[in-house]
Protein backbone atom coordinates (compact mmCIF):
# COMPACT_ATOMS: atom_id res chain seq x y z
CA MET A 1 21.27 -51.03 -33.54
CA ARG A 2 18.45 -48.64 -33.22
CA SER A 3 17.85 -49.29 -29.65
CA THR A 4 21.54 -48.67 -28.76
CA SER A 5 21.57 -45.27 -30.39
CA THR A 6 18.33 -44.41 -28.84
CA GLN A 7 19.91 -45.34 -25.46
CA GLY A 8 22.83 -43.40 -26.13
CA SER A 9 20.94 -40.23 -27.12
CA ASN A 10 18.55 -40.72 -23.96
CA SER A 11 21.72 -40.88 -21.84
CA ALA A 12 23.18 -37.86 -23.49
CA LYS A 13 19.86 -36.08 -22.97
CA ARG A 14 19.68 -37.01 -19.29
CA LYS A 15 23.44 -35.53 -18.99
CA GLY A 16 22.40 -32.35 -20.59
CA ALA A 17 19.30 -32.01 -18.53
CA SER A 18 21.42 -32.68 -15.55
CA HIS A 19 23.89 -29.98 -16.49
CA GLN A 20 21.00 -27.65 -17.27
CA LYS A 21 19.45 -28.23 -13.86
CA ALA A 22 22.77 -27.55 -12.14
CA ALA A 23 23.26 -24.37 -14.13
CA VAL A 24 19.73 -23.23 -13.32
CA GLU A 25 20.30 -24.24 -9.41
CA ALA A 26 23.42 -22.13 -9.68
CA ILE A 27 21.79 -19.14 -11.14
CA LEU A 28 19.03 -19.34 -8.58
CA GLN A 29 21.61 -19.71 -5.68
CA GLU A 30 23.22 -16.50 -6.89
CA THR A 31 20.00 -14.45 -7.55
CA VAL A 32 17.76 -15.74 -4.87
CA PHE A 33 20.09 -16.34 -2.14
CA PRO A 34 23.03 -14.01 -2.92
CA GLU A 35 24.54 -14.52 0.46
CA PRO A 36 25.06 -17.80 2.03
CA ASP A 37 23.45 -16.59 5.22
CA MET A 38 20.20 -15.52 3.33
CA ALA A 39 18.96 -19.06 3.19
CA GLU A 40 19.53 -19.57 6.76
CA ARG A 41 17.82 -16.23 7.54
CA MET A 42 14.96 -17.39 5.70
CA ARG A 43 14.80 -20.70 7.51
CA GLU A 44 14.90 -18.82 10.87
CA ASP A 45 12.13 -16.58 9.78
CA ALA A 46 9.94 -19.35 8.98
CA ILE A 47 10.74 -20.90 12.32
CA LEU A 48 9.74 -17.54 14.00
CA ALA A 49 6.56 -17.24 12.10
CA GLN A 50 5.66 -20.80 13.25
CA ALA A 51 6.65 -20.01 16.93
CA LYS A 52 4.46 -16.70 16.81
CA GLY A 53 1.55 -18.83 15.58
CA ILE A 54 1.91 -21.54 18.33
CA LEU A 55 2.19 -18.72 21.08
CA ALA A 56 -0.88 -17.01 19.74
CA LYS A 57 -2.80 -20.10 19.97
CA ARG A 58 -1.53 -20.77 23.62
CA ILE A 59 -2.27 -17.25 24.61
CA ARG A 60 -5.69 -17.21 23.29
CA ARG A 61 -6.57 -20.34 25.42
CA GLU A 62 -5.26 -18.68 28.65
CA VAL A 63 -6.62 -16.01 30.93
CA LEU A 64 -4.03 -13.29 30.05
CA PHE A 65 -3.57 -10.93 33.04
CA GLU A 66 -3.49 -13.30 36.06
CA ALA A 67 -0.70 -13.54 38.47
CA SER A 68 0.83 -16.23 36.44
CA SER A 69 0.41 -14.64 33.12
CA PRO A 70 2.30 -11.37 32.55
CA ALA A 71 5.26 -13.29 31.64
CA ALA A 72 3.32 -14.85 28.86
CA VAL A 73 2.13 -11.60 27.62
CA ARG A 74 5.59 -10.05 27.63
CA GLU A 75 6.94 -12.95 25.73
CA HIS A 76 4.09 -12.61 23.08
CA LEU A 77 4.84 -8.88 22.73
CA MET A 78 8.54 -9.50 22.63
CA LEU A 79 8.39 -12.05 19.98
CA HIS A 80 6.20 -9.78 17.64
CA ALA A 81 8.13 -6.43 18.32
CA ALA A 82 11.57 -7.05 19.47
CA GLU A 83 13.43 -6.91 16.17
CA GLN A 84 11.18 -4.28 14.51
CA GLU A 85 13.20 -1.34 13.04
CA TYR A 86 10.39 1.04 13.22
CA GLU A 87 7.82 1.88 16.03
CA SER A 88 4.42 0.11 16.03
CA PHE A 89 1.66 0.44 18.44
CA ARG A 90 -0.03 -2.88 19.30
CA ILE A 91 -3.26 -3.62 21.46
CA LEU A 92 -4.43 -6.83 22.94
CA PHE A 93 -8.13 -6.60 22.98
CA LEU A 94 -9.51 -8.76 25.96
CA ASP A 95 -12.91 -9.87 27.24
CA ALA A 96 -14.25 -9.56 30.53
CA GLN A 97 -12.34 -12.63 31.87
CA HIS A 98 -9.20 -11.10 30.24
CA ARG A 99 -9.06 -13.66 27.46
CA LEU A 100 -7.57 -12.38 24.12
CA ILE A 101 -10.13 -11.46 21.57
CA ALA A 102 -7.70 -9.95 19.16
CA ASP A 103 -4.15 -8.84 18.79
CA ASP A 104 -4.03 -5.90 16.37
CA VAL A 105 -1.16 -3.56 15.20
CA MET A 106 -3.04 -0.40 15.09
CA PHE A 107 -0.31 2.09 14.11
CA THR A 108 3.08 1.95 12.55
CA GLY A 109 5.54 4.78 12.43
CA THR A 110 9.32 5.65 12.13
CA LEU A 111 12.47 4.80 13.67
CA THR A 112 11.46 7.12 16.68
CA GLN A 113 7.69 7.74 16.75
CA THR A 114 4.40 6.58 15.57
CA SER A 115 1.03 8.65 15.43
CA VAL A 116 -1.70 7.24 17.51
CA TYR A 117 -5.48 8.09 17.12
CA PRO A 118 -7.61 7.48 20.31
CA ARG A 119 -10.71 7.63 18.24
CA GLU A 120 -9.57 4.70 16.22
CA ILE A 121 -8.82 2.76 19.35
CA VAL A 122 -12.12 3.27 20.82
CA LYS A 123 -13.83 2.44 17.60
CA ARG A 124 -11.97 -0.92 17.39
CA ALA A 125 -12.55 -1.64 21.15
CA LEU A 126 -16.32 -1.25 20.50
CA ARG A 127 -16.12 -3.37 17.33
CA TYR A 128 -14.57 -6.21 19.37
CA ASN A 129 -16.85 -5.49 22.35
CA ALA A 130 -13.82 -5.56 24.48
CA ALA A 131 -13.83 -5.05 28.27
CA ALA A 132 -10.12 -4.37 28.62
CA VAL A 133 -7.06 -3.76 26.54
CA ILE A 134 -3.21 -4.06 27.00
CA LEU A 135 -1.42 -1.28 25.03
CA SER A 136 2.18 -1.99 23.73
CA HIS A 137 4.63 -0.29 21.56
CA ASN A 138 8.27 -0.81 20.74
CA HIS A 139 11.33 1.35 21.06
CA PRO A 140 13.74 0.25 18.26
CA SER A 141 16.47 2.27 20.02
CA GLY A 142 16.68 -0.46 22.73
CA VAL A 143 15.79 2.06 25.53
CA ALA A 144 12.65 0.70 27.63
CA GLU A 145 12.08 4.07 29.42
CA PRO A 146 8.78 5.76 28.59
CA SER A 147 8.84 9.28 27.26
CA ARG A 148 6.62 11.98 28.53
CA ALA A 149 4.70 11.61 25.24
CA ASP A 150 4.20 7.82 26.14
CA GLU A 151 2.94 8.83 29.58
CA SER A 152 0.60 11.55 28.33
CA LEU A 153 -0.70 9.32 25.41
CA THR A 154 -1.50 6.45 27.93
CA ARG A 155 -3.43 8.91 30.22
CA GLY A 156 -5.35 10.20 27.15
CA LEU A 157 -6.22 6.69 26.06
CA GLN A 158 -7.13 5.79 29.53
CA ASN A 159 -9.70 8.69 29.61
CA ALA A 160 -11.03 7.98 26.15
CA LEU A 161 -11.56 4.36 26.79
CA ALA A 162 -12.98 4.80 30.41
CA LEU A 163 -15.95 6.78 28.55
CA VAL A 164 -16.99 3.35 26.97
CA ASP A 165 -16.14 1.27 30.03
CA VAL A 166 -12.89 -0.30 28.61
CA ARG A 167 -10.02 -0.65 31.10
CA ILE A 168 -6.40 -0.43 30.25
CA LEU A 169 -4.66 -3.13 32.05
CA ASP A 170 -1.27 -2.21 31.31
CA HIS A 171 0.99 -0.50 28.55
CA ILE A 172 4.13 -2.41 27.82
CA ILE A 173 7.04 -0.97 26.04
CA VAL A 174 9.34 -3.47 24.25
CA ALA A 175 12.82 -2.70 23.76
CA GLY A 176 14.75 -5.60 22.24
CA THR A 177 14.70 -8.21 24.92
CA ARG A 178 13.66 -5.85 27.55
CA THR A 179 10.20 -4.57 28.46
CA LEU A 180 8.72 -2.06 30.81
CA SER A 181 5.32 -2.25 32.44
CA PHE A 182 3.46 0.89 33.12
CA ALA A 183 1.15 -1.05 35.51
CA GLU A 184 4.32 -2.23 37.54
CA ARG A 185 5.79 1.38 37.55
CA GLY A 186 2.49 2.67 39.00
CA LEU A 187 1.99 4.79 35.83
CA LEU A 188 -1.74 3.72 35.31
C-alpha cells in the first residue's frame, strides 16, 4: 500500500510541477515577450548578427577596393548601418593592399548629425598603421545625398590624413537600402 500512495503523491507532484512550469512560462511569455512579434524580432536580430559576422569574415579575406569589390563594401556598410535610428560615422581601415585591418564606428550622434573629430581619426589610422581608409556614415532620414557639411568634412579629413600618408578611397553614405559614393560622384 505504501508504494501506491507514494506513486499517487509523485503523480500529484508531477502534475503540480507541470502546472507550475506552465504558469512560469505564461508569465515569462507576458513579461519577456509582451508582443507576439517580439520573439520573432529577437530571432531575426540573432540571424542578422550571424550574417554580419559571416560578412565581416569574408570581407577581411578579400581585397576590398578592386573593381569587383565596391558592391561587397556597400553591402557590408548597409548591413551595419541601414536600420540605425541615429547617425554613426564608421571607418574601414585598410592596409597597403586594401585589405581590411579594422572596421570601427568612431562616432555616434543624433537623428540628424554626429560630431567627427579629425584628430581622433588620424590617431586611430596611425595606431592601425593603415595605408588607406573608407569613410562611411548613415543618414537615418533615408536621403543619400551629401550635405555641404559632409563634403567639407571629407575634404578636411582628406587633408588631415594626407599629412600622415593615409588615402581616403571613398566616403559612402548609407541611407536605408541606398548608398552614395563620393568617389563615383567625383567628390574626392
